[in-house]
Amino acid sequence: MVGIRRATLDDLIHMQQTNLMCLPENYQLKYYLYHGLSWPHLLHVAETDSGRIVGYVLAKIDEESGNKDKPISGHITSISVHREYRKLGIAKRLMDICMEEMVEIYDAAHCSLNVRVGNVGAMSLYRDVLGFKVLQEEIDYYADDENAYEMRKYFKPEYEEIDAEQYSGAAKKGKKQADAEKMNVGDEDDAGEEDKQEVAKEETKEQPDQDEVEDKPSEVSESTENTQEAGSAEPTASKKKKKNRKKKRR
């Protein structure tokens, strides 16, 4: 039998140990203490009859929320259940009681969380069971550069409509920026191609006509022949000198 209760300060070390065993995203103990002192109603643990902590939920209220432009928003910082106790509905129970406290104590308008895009099991729980909706995909959100889905569950329906307009507008704006960047890249490519063509034309102008190119080898061959003749003439001149010396001796 596994029960759910509000966490105490003594439970924080066990929550951290569960986190280290089950998740790649880990926190220092002081971070748990910060949550426990600031939002004690939003920390809950799953405990067996023997007193073993086998799961937890760590949550908070967004400190930037609560003003006119931004309603009070809860946030699930971390939730985990020991592997041997999974698929027993413990995670859902932890989430349900935590979100109930967000509404009853803090009057939250909605609750948000982030989940790895590759975590299919968690996505199924949040979206299909708990009713969270994907707001957007955040690129390179985690330390290993995996993307995350930002998800939100609404306690007050009017804020769902507001977010729908806000995020759809942001998505359209992002698409326009992406299209503009693509067009700029295309223009740069076209300009680069034009530059290449101009360079090719200049090189073509600088190159001599084919007839001139064909004449040059003949000139070279002629000069080569002249060199050969001059080279062969030197020995002939020395021979003449030897003959003249012989005549003088005679």
C-alpha atoms as a PDB file:
ATOM      1  CA  MET A   1       0.000   0.000   0.000  1.00  0.00           C
ATOM      2  CA  VAL A   2       1.325   3.421  -1.006  1.00  0.00           C
ATOM      3  CA  GLY A   3      -0.070   6.617   0.484  1.00  0.00           C
ATOM      4  CA  ILE A   4       0.336  10.253  -0.543  1.00  0.00           C
ATOM      5  CA  ARG A   5       1.070  12.930   2.053  1.00  0.00           C
ATOM      6  CA  ARG A   6       2.516  16.413   2.247  1.00  0.00           C
ATOM      7  CA  ALA A   7       6.302  16.394   2.515  1.00  0.00           C
ATOM      8  CA  THR A   8       8.195  17.590   5.577  1.00  0.00           C
ATOM      9  CA  LEU A   9      11.719  18.988   5.778  1.00  0.00           C
ATOM     10  CA  ASP A  10      12.909  15.532   6.853  1.00  0.00           C
ATOM     11  CA  ASP A  11      11.638  14.125   3.560  1.00  0.00           C
ATOM     12  CA  LEU A  12      13.765  16.417   1.398  1.00  0.00           C
ATOM     13  CA  ILE A  13      16.857  14.199   1.486  1.00  0.00           C
ATOM     14  CA  HIS A  14      14.742  11.198   0.416  1.00  0.00           C
ATOM     15  CA  MET A  15      13.189  13.218  -2.388  1.00  0.00           C
ATOM     16  CA  GLN A  16      16.660  14.126  -3.606  1.00  0.00           C
ATOM     17  CA  GLN A  17      17.771  10.478  -3.467  1.00  0.00           C
ATOM     18  CA  THR A  18      14.736   9.430  -5.512  1.00  0.00           C
ATOM     19  CA  ASN A  19      15.529  12.148  -8.022  1.00  0.00           C
ATOM     20  CA  LEU A  20      19.152  10.991  -8.365  1.00  0.00           C
ATOM     21  CA  MET A  21      18.023   7.396  -8.916  1.00  0.00           C
ATOM     22  CA  CYS A  22      15.338   8.131 -11.481  1.00  0.00           C
ATOM     23  CA  LEU A  23      16.050  11.322 -13.431  1.00  0.00           C
ATOM     24  CA  PRO A  24      18.936  12.932 -15.333  1.00  0.00           C
ATOM     25  CA  GLU A  25      17.918  16.416 -14.136  1.00  0.00           C
ATOM     26  CA  ASN A  26      19.260  16.712 -10.599  1.00  0.00           C
ATOM     27  CA  TYR A  27      19.257  19.464  -7.987  1.00  0.00           C
ATOM     28  CA  GLN A  28      21.222  20.364  -4.896  1.00  0.00           C
ATOM     29  CA  LEU A  29      19.545  19.831  -1.523  1.00  0.00           C
ATOM     30  CA  LYS A  30      19.250  23.574  -0.943  1.00  0.00           C
ATOM     31  CA  TYR A  31      16.974  23.784  -3.986  1.00  0.00           C
ATOM     32  CA  TYR A  32      14.540  21.350  -2.348  1.00  0.00           C
ATOM     33  CA  LEU A  33      14.807  23.352   0.867  1.00  0.00           C
ATOM     34  CA  TYR A  34      14.010  26.541  -1.042  1.00  0.00           C
ATOM     35  CA  HIS A  35      10.816  24.949  -2.404  1.00  0.00           C
ATOM     36  CA  GLY A  36       9.900  23.518   0.990  1.00  0.00           C
ATOM     37  CA  LEU A  37      10.220  26.842   2.777  1.00  0.00           C
ATOM     38  CA  SER A  38       8.578  28.904   0.029  1.00  0.00           C
ATOM     39  CA  TRP A  39       5.703  26.627  -1.061  1.00  0.00           C
ATOM     40  CA  PRO A  40       5.337  23.903   1.599  1.00  0.00           C
ATOM     41  CA  HIS A  41       1.842  22.969   0.391  1.00  0.00           C
ATOM     42  CA  LEU A  42       3.130  21.957  -3.043  1.00  0.00           C
ATOM     43  CA  LEU A  43       5.612  19.255  -2.006  1.00  0.00           C
ATOM     44  CA  HIS A  44       4.211  15.741  -1.621  1.00  0.00           C
ATOM     45  CA  VAL A  45       5.682  12.266  -1.265  1.00  0.00           C
ATOM     46  CA  ALA A  46       4.490   8.741  -1.968  1.00  0.00           C
ATOM     47  CA  GLU A  47       5.222   6.531   1.041  1.00  0.00           C
ATOM     48  CA  THR A  48       4.865   2.785   1.580  1.00  0.00           C
ATOM     49  CA  ASP A  49       3.446   1.209   4.741  1.00  0.00           C
ATOM     50  CA  SER A  50       7.013   0.607   5.890  1.00  0.00           C
ATOM     51  CA  GLY A  51       7.835   4.323   5.624  1.00  0.00           C
ATOM     52  CA  ARG A  52       9.876   4.150   2.436  1.00  0.00           C
ATOM     53  CA  ILE A  53       9.644   7.168   0.115  1.00  0.00           C
ATOM     54  CA  VAL A  54       9.068   5.837  -3.411  1.00  0.00           C
ATOM     55  CA  GLY A  55       7.952   8.973  -5.210  1.00  0.00           C
ATOM     56  CA  TYR A  56       7.585  12.720  -4.907  1.00  0.00           C
ATOM     57  CA  VAL A  57       6.383  15.874  -6.602  1.00  0.00           C
ATOM     58  CA  LEU A  58       8.275  19.158  -6.283  1.00  0.00           C
ATOM     59  CA  ALA A  59       6.310  22.230  -7.353  1.00  0.00           C
ATOM     60  CA  LYS A  60       6.155  25.997  -6.933  1.00  0.00           C
ATOM     61  CA  ILE A  61       4.279  29.136  -7.868  1.00  0.00           C
ATOM     62  CA  ASP A  62       5.810  31.205 -10.643  1.00  0.00           C
ATOM     63  CA  GLU A  63       7.314  34.179  -8.826  1.00  0.00           C
ATOM     64  CA  GLU A  64       6.758  36.473 -11.813  1.00  0.00           C
ATOM     65  CA  SER A  65       3.046  35.685 -11.936  1.00  0.00           C
ATOM     66  CA  GLY A  66       0.197  37.181  -9.964  1.00  0.00           C
ATOM     67  CA  ASN A  67       0.024  40.628 -11.544  1.00  0.00           C
ATOM     68  CA  LYS A  68      -2.548  42.144 -13.877  1.00  0.00           C
ATOM     69  CA  ASP A  69      -0.886  40.932 -17.056  1.00  0.00           C
ATOM     70  CA  LYS A  70       0.185  37.531 -15.772  1.00  0.00           C
ATOM     71  CA  PRO A  71      -2.170  35.353 -13.690  1.00  0.00           C
ATOM     72  CA  ILE A  72      -0.963  33.135 -10.867  1.00  0.00           C
ATOM     73  CA  SER A  73       0.659  30.070 -12.378  1.00  0.00           C
ATOM     74  CA  GLY A  74       1.863  26.894 -10.734  1.00  0.00           C
ATOM     75  CA  HIS A  75       4.832  24.981 -12.074  1.00  0.00           C
ATOM     76  CA  ILE A  76       5.872  21.352 -11.661  1.00  0.00           C
ATOM     77  CA  THR A  77       9.609  21.472 -11.064  1.00  0.00           C
ATOM     78  CA  SER A  78      10.114  17.714 -10.800  1.00  0.00           C
ATOM     79  CA  ILE A  79       8.158  14.506 -10.311  1.00  0.00           C
ATOM     80  CA  SER A  80       9.433  10.955 -10.104  1.00  0.00           C
ATOM     81  CA  VAL A  81       8.461   7.478  -8.944  1.00  0.00           C
ATOM     82  CA  HIS A  82      10.739   4.514  -8.285  1.00  0.00           C
ATOM     83  CA  ARG A  83      10.803   2.135 -11.213  1.00  0.00           C
ATOM     84  CA  GLU A  84       9.272  -0.814  -9.336  1.00  0.00           C
ATOM     85  CA  TYR A  85       6.291   1.339  -8.296  1.00  0.00           C
ATOM     86  CA  ARG A  86       5.452   2.753 -11.691  1.00  0.00           C
ATOM     87  CA  LYS A  87       2.220   2.083 -13.604  1.00  0.00           C
ATOM     88  CA  LEU A  88       0.305   2.008 -10.336  1.00  0.00           C
ATOM     89  CA  GLY A  89      -1.213   5.464 -10.714  1.00  0.00           C
ATOM     90  CA  ILE A  90       1.135   7.019  -8.143  1.00  0.00           C
ATOM     91  CA  ALA A  91       2.366   9.807 -10.419  1.00  0.00           C
ATOM     92  CA  LYS A  92      -1.222  10.787 -11.251  1.00  0.00           C
ATOM     93  CA  ARG A  93      -2.168  10.902  -7.571  1.00  0.00           C
ATOM     94  CA  LEU A  94       0.851  13.079  -6.785  1.00  0.00           C
ATOM     95  CA  MET A  95      -0.014  15.460  -9.611  1.00  0.00           C
ATOM     96  CA  ASP A  96      -3.709  15.618  -8.717  1.00  0.00           C
ATOM     97  CA  ILE A  97      -3.188  16.552  -5.072  1.00  0.00           C
ATOM     98  CA  CYS A  98      -0.462  19.046  -5.952  1.00  0.00           C
ATOM     99  CA  MET A  99      -2.657  20.838  -8.498  1.00  0.00           C
ATOM    100  CA  GLU A 100      -5.590  20.854  -6.073  1.00  0.00           C
ATOM    101  CA  GLU A 101      -3.403  22.730  -3.591  1.00  0.00           C
ATOM    102  CA  MET A 102      -2.376  25.191  -6.315  1.00  0.00           C
ATOM    103  CA  VAL A 103      -6.023  26.082  -6.881  1.00  0.00           C
ATOM    104  CA  GLU A 104      -7.317  26.002  -3.299  1.00  0.00           C
ATOM    105  CA  ILE A 105      -4.402  27.756  -1.575  1.00  0.00           C
ATOM    106  CA  TYR A 106      -2.885  29.956  -4.278  1.00  0.00           C
ATOM    107  CA  ASP A 107      -5.855  30.440  -6.653  1.00  0.00           C
ATOM    108  CA  ALA A 108      -3.690  29.473  -9.625  1.00  0.00           C
ATOM    109  CA  ALA A 109      -5.103  29.973 -13.104  1.00  0.00           C
ATOM    110  CA  HIS A 110      -3.062  27.172 -14.615  1.00  0.00           C
ATOM    111  CA  CYS A 111      -0.123  24.825 -14.079  1.00  0.00           C
ATOM    112  CA  SER A 112       2.851  24.410 -16.408  1.00  0.00           C
ATOM    113  CA  LEU A 113       5.675  21.921 -16.824  1.00  0.00           C
ATOM    114  CA  ASN A 114       8.423  20.922 -19.233  1.00  0.00           C
ATOM    115  CA  VAL A 115       8.962  17.420 -20.564  1.00  0.00           C
ATOM    116  CA  ARG A 116      11.508  15.886 -22.896  1.00  0.00           C
ATOM    117  CA  VAL A 117      10.137  15.418 -26.402  1.00  0.00           C
ATOM    118  CA  GLY A 118      11.413  11.836 -26.325  1.00  0.00           C
ATOM    119  CA  ASN A 119       9.699  10.919 -23.044  1.00  0.00           C
ATOM    120  CA  VAL A 120       6.692   9.177 -24.553  1.00  0.00           C
ATOM    121  CA  GLY A 121       5.433   7.749 -21.248  1.00  0.00           C
ATOM    122  CA  ALA A 122       5.405  11.113 -19.487  1.00  0.00           C
ATOM    123  CA  MET A 123       3.772  12.769 -22.494  1.00  0.00           C
ATOM    124  CA  SER A 124       0.994  10.197 -22.369  1.00  0.00           C
ATOM    125  CA  LEU A 125       0.407  10.871 -18.665  1.00  0.00           C
ATOM    126  CA  TYR A 126       0.389  14.646 -18.925  1.00  0.00           C
ATOM    127  CA  ARG A 127      -1.596  14.977 -22.144  1.00  0.00           C
ATOM    128  CA  ASP A 128      -3.918  11.985 -22.231  1.00  0.00           C
ATOM    129  CA  VAL A 129      -4.549  11.404 -18.519  1.00  0.00           C
ATOM    130  CA  LEU A 130      -4.088  14.772 -16.811  1.00  0.00           C
ATOM    131  CA  GLY A 131      -5.274  17.034 -19.639  1.00  0.00           C
ATOM    132  CA  PHE A 132      -2.159  19.138 -20.242  1.00  0.00           C
ATOM    133  CA  LYS A 133      -1.740  20.786 -23.630  1.00  0.00           C
ATOM    134  CA  VAL A 134       1.435  21.533 -25.555  1.00  0.00           C
ATOM    135  CA  LEU A 135       2.115  25.262 -25.843  1.00  0.00           C
ATOM    136  CA  GLN A 136       5.405  25.196 -27.713  1.00  0.00           C
ATOM    137  CA  GLU A 137       8.616  23.279 -28.267  1.00  0.00           C
ATOM    138  CA  GLU A 138      11.705  24.752 -26.622  1.00  0.00           C
ATOM    139  CA  ILE A 139      14.941  24.087 -28.506  1.00  0.00           C
ATOM    140  CA  ASP A 140      17.980  22.687 -26.636  1.00  0.00           C
ATOM    141  CA  TYR A 141      16.162  23.066 -23.319  1.00  0.00           C
ATOM    142  CA  TYR A 142      18.041  20.359 -21.441  1.00  0.00           C
ATOM    143  CA  ALA A 143      21.751  20.115 -20.646  1.00  0.00           C
ATOM    144  CA  ASP A 144      22.207  17.409 -23.294  1.00  0.00           C
ATOM    145  CA  ASP A 145      20.521  19.692 -25.885  1.00  0.00           C
ATOM    146  CA  GLU A 146      17.323  17.647 -26.123  1.00  0.00           C
ATOM    147  CA  ASN A 147      14.249  19.730 -26.874  1.00  0.00           C
ATOM    148  CA  ALA A 148      11.381  20.108 -24.421  1.00  0.00           C
ATOM    149  CA  TYR A 149       7.648  20.582 -24.737  1.00  0.00           C
ATOM    150  CA  GLU A 150       6.217  23.349 -22.600  1.00  0.00           C
ATOM    151  CA  MET A 151       2.833  22.071 -21.439  1.00  0.00           C
ATOM    152  CA  ARG A 152       0.011  23.693 -19.507  1.00  0.00           C
ATOM    153  CA  LYS A 153      -3.186  22.640 -17.756  1.00  0.00           C
ATOM    154  CA  TYR A 154      -5.845  25.305 -17.275  1.00  0.00           C
ATOM    155  CA  PHE A 155      -7.911  25.704 -14.105  1.00  0.00           C
ATOM    156  CA  LYS A 156      -9.651  28.810 -15.480  1.00  0.00           C
ATOM    157  CA  PRO A 157     -10.821  28.342 -19.105  1.00  0.00           C
ATOM    158  CA  GLU A 158     -10.639  32.037 -20.015  1.00  0.00           C
ATOM    159  CA  TYR A 159      -6.856  31.925 -19.807  1.00  0.00           C
ATOM    160  CA  GLU A 160      -6.731  29.079 -22.298  1.00  0.00           C
ATOM    161  CA  GLU A 161      -8.294  31.367 -24.910  1.00  0.00           C
ATOM    162  CA  ILE A 162      -5.812  34.135 -24.094  1.00  0.00           C
ATOM    163  CA  ASP A 163      -2.861  31.768 -24.435  1.00  0.00           C
ATOM    164  CA  ALA A 164      -4.245  30.339 -27.669  1.00  0.00           C
ATOM    165  CA  GLU A 165      -4.206  33.798 -29.239  1.00  0.00           C
ATOM    166  CA  GLN A 166      -0.821  34.685 -27.767  1.00  0.00           C
ATOM    167  CA  TYR A 167       0.994  31.521 -28.797  1.00  0.00           C
ATOM    168  CA  SER A 168      -0.647  31.289 -32.213  1.00  0.00           C
ATOM    169  CA  GLY A 169       0.454  34.868 -32.866  1.00  0.00           C
ATOM    170  CA  ALA A 170       3.969  34.063 -31.713  1.00  0.00           C
ATOM    171  CA  ALA A 171       4.015  30.986 -33.938  1.00  0.00           C
ATOM    172  CA  LYS A 172       2.931  33.027 -36.970  1.00  0.00           C
ATOM    173  CA  LYS A 173       5.541  35.672 -36.184  1.00  0.00           C
ATOM    174  CA  GLY A 174       8.202  33.005 -35.840  1.00  0.00           C
ATOM    175  CA  LYS A 175       7.165  31.492 -39.173  1.00  0.00           C
ATOM    176  CA  LYS A 176       7.379  34.894 -40.875  1.00  0.00           C
ATOM    177  CA  GLN A 177      10.858  35.446 -39.453  1.00  0.00           C
ATOM    178  CA  ALA A 178      11.950  32.009 -40.617  1.00  0.00           C
ATOM    179  CA  ASP A 179      10.567  32.657 -44.109  1.00  0.00           C
ATOM    180  CA  ALA A 180      12.313  36.041 -44.211  1.00  0.00           C
ATOM    181  CA  GLU A 181      15.603  34.436 -43.207  1.00  0.00           C
ATOM    182  CA  LYS A 182      15.193  31.843 -45.951  1.00  0.00           C
ATOM    183  CA  MET A 183      14.542  34.598 -48.495  1.00  0.00           C
ATOM    184  CA  ASN A 184      17.625  36.483 -47.321  1.00  0.00           C
ATOM    185  CA  VAL A 185      19.706  33.353 -47.668  1.00  0.00           C
ATOM    186  CA  GLY A 186      18.282  32.826 -51.153  1.00  0.00           C
ATOM    187  CA  ASP A 187      19.112  36.413 -52.129  1.00  0.00           C
ATOM    188  CA  GLU A 188      22.651  35.981 -50.825  1.00  0.00           C
ATOM    189  CA  ASP A 189      23.009  32.785 -52.847  1.00  0.00           C
ATOM    190  CA  ASP A 190      21.754  34.555 -55.987  1.00  0.00           C
ATOM    191  CA  ALA A 191      24.136  37.447 -55.390  1.00  0.00           C
ATOM    192  CA  GLY A 192      26.977  35.014 -54.867  1.00  0.00           C
ATOM    193  CA  GLU A 193      26.129  33.235 -58.109  1.00  0.00           C
ATOM    194  CA  GLU A 194      26.058  36.548 -59.972  1.00  0.00           C
ATOM    195  CA  ASP A 195      29.482  37.423 -58.558  1.00  0.00           C
ATOM    196  CA  LYS A 196      30.823  34.077 -59.722  1.00  0.00           C
ATOM    197  CA  GLN A 197      29.460  34.681 -63.209  1.00  0.00           C
ATOM    198  CA  GLU A 198      31.057  38.147 -63.341  1.00  0.00           C
ATOM    199  CA  VAL A 199      34.410  36.711 -62.261  1.00  0.00           C
ATOM    200  CA  ALA A 200      34.112  34.018 -64.912  1.00  0.00           C
ATOM    201  CA  LYS A 201      33.429  36.676 -67.558  1.00  0.00           C
ATOM    202  CA  GLU A 202      36.460  38.706 -66.486  1.00  0.00           C
ATOM    203  CA  GLU A 203      38.666  35.622 -66.609  1.00  0.00           C
ATOM    204  CA  THR A 204      37.358  34.846 -70.080  1.00  0.00           C
ATOM    205  CA  LYS A 205      38.200  38.371 -71.250  1.00  0.00           C
ATOM    206  CA  GLU A 206      41.730  38.108 -69.886  1.00  0.00           C
ATOM    207  CA  GLN A 207      42.374  34.808 -71.663  1.00  0.00           C
ATOM    208  CA  PRO A 208      43.988  35.160 -75.168  1.00  0.00           C
ATOM    209  CA  ASP A 209      42.279  34.000 -78.330  1.00  0.00           C
ATOM    210  CA  GLN A 210      42.738  30.405 -79.336  1.00  0.00           C
ATOM    211  CA  ASP A 211      44.735  31.447 -82.412  1.00  0.00           C
ATOM    212  CA  GLU A 212      47.190  33.347 -80.248  1.00  0.00           C
ATOM    213  CA  VAL A 213      47.550  30.368 -77.943  1.00  0.00           C
ATOM    214  CA  GLU A 214      48.280  28.125 -80.912  1.00  0.00           C
ATOM    215  CA  ASP A 215      50.918  30.559 -82.251  1.00  0.00           C
ATOM    216  CA  LYS A 216      52.900  30.635 -79.022  1.00  0.00           C
ATOM    217  CA  PRO A 217      54.074  27.013 -79.102  1.00  0.00           C
ATOM    218  CA  SER A 218      55.472  27.587 -82.612  1.00  0.00           C
ATOM    219  CA  GLU A 219      57.395  30.612 -81.356  1.00  0.00           C
ATOM    220  CA  VAL A 220      58.761  28.561 -78.512  1.00  0.00           C
ATOM    221  CA  SER A 221      59.742  25.771 -80.836  1.00  0.00           C
ATOM    222  CA  GLU A 222      61.466  28.239 -83.122  1.00  0.00           C
ATOM    223  CA  SER A 223      63.468  29.724 -80.286  1.00  0.00           C
ATOM    224  CA  THR A 224      64.297  26.236 -79.143  1.00  0.00           C
ATOM    225  CA  GLU A 225      65.608  25.372 -82.562  1.00  0.00           C
ATOM    226  CA  ASN A 226      67.705  28.555 -82.591  1.00  0.00           C
ATOM    227  CA  THR A 227      69.132  27.659 -79.202  1.00  0.00           C
ATOM    228  CA  GLN A 228      70.026  24.222 -80.426  1.00  0.00           C
ATOM    229  CA  GLU A 229      71.751  25.703 -83.443  1.00  0.00           C
ATOM    230  CA  ALA A 230      73.692  28.163 -81.314  1.00  0.00           C
ATOM    231  CA  GLY A 231      74.670  25.426 -78.942  1.00  0.00           C
ATOM    232  CA  SER A 232      75.908  23.259 -81.726  1.00  0.00           C
ATOM    233  CA  ALA A 233      77.888  26.178 -83.202  1.00  0.00           C
ATOM    234  CA  GLU A 234      80.186  26.566 -80.205  1.00  0.00           C
ATOM    235  CA  PRO A 235      82.020  23.291 -80.699  1.00  0.00           C
ATOM    236  CA  THR A 236      82.409  24.124 -84.348  1.00  0.00           C
ATOM    237  CA  ALA A 237      84.125  27.427 -83.479  1.00  0.00           C
ATOM    238  CA  SER A 238      86.568  25.693 -81.114  1.00  0.00           C
ATOM    239  CA  LYS A 239      87.464  23.181 -83.784  1.00  0.00           C
ATOM    240  CA  LYS A 240      88.342  26.020 -86.169  1.00  0.00           C
ATOM    241  CA  LYS A 241      90.706  27.495 -83.587  1.00  0.00           C
ATOM    242  CA  LYS A 242      92.486  24.151 -83.183  1.00  0.00           C
ATOM    243  CA  LYS A 243      92.973  23.896 -86.931  1.00  0.00           C
ATOM    244  CA  ASN A 244      94.444  27.381 -87.066  1.00  0.00           C
ATOM    245  CA  ARG A 245      96.889  26.462 -84.267  1.00  0.00           C
ATOM    246  CA  LYS A 246      98.016  23.375 -86.179  1.00  0.00           C
ATOM    247  CA  LYS A 247      98.676  25.473 -89.284  1.00  0.00           C
ATOM    248  CA  LYS A 248     100.835  27.909 -87.301  1.00  0.00           C
ATOM    249  CA  ARG A 249     102.882  25.032 -85.849  1.00  0.00           C
ATOM    250  CA  ARG A 250     103.508  23.741 -89.327  1.00  0.00           C
END
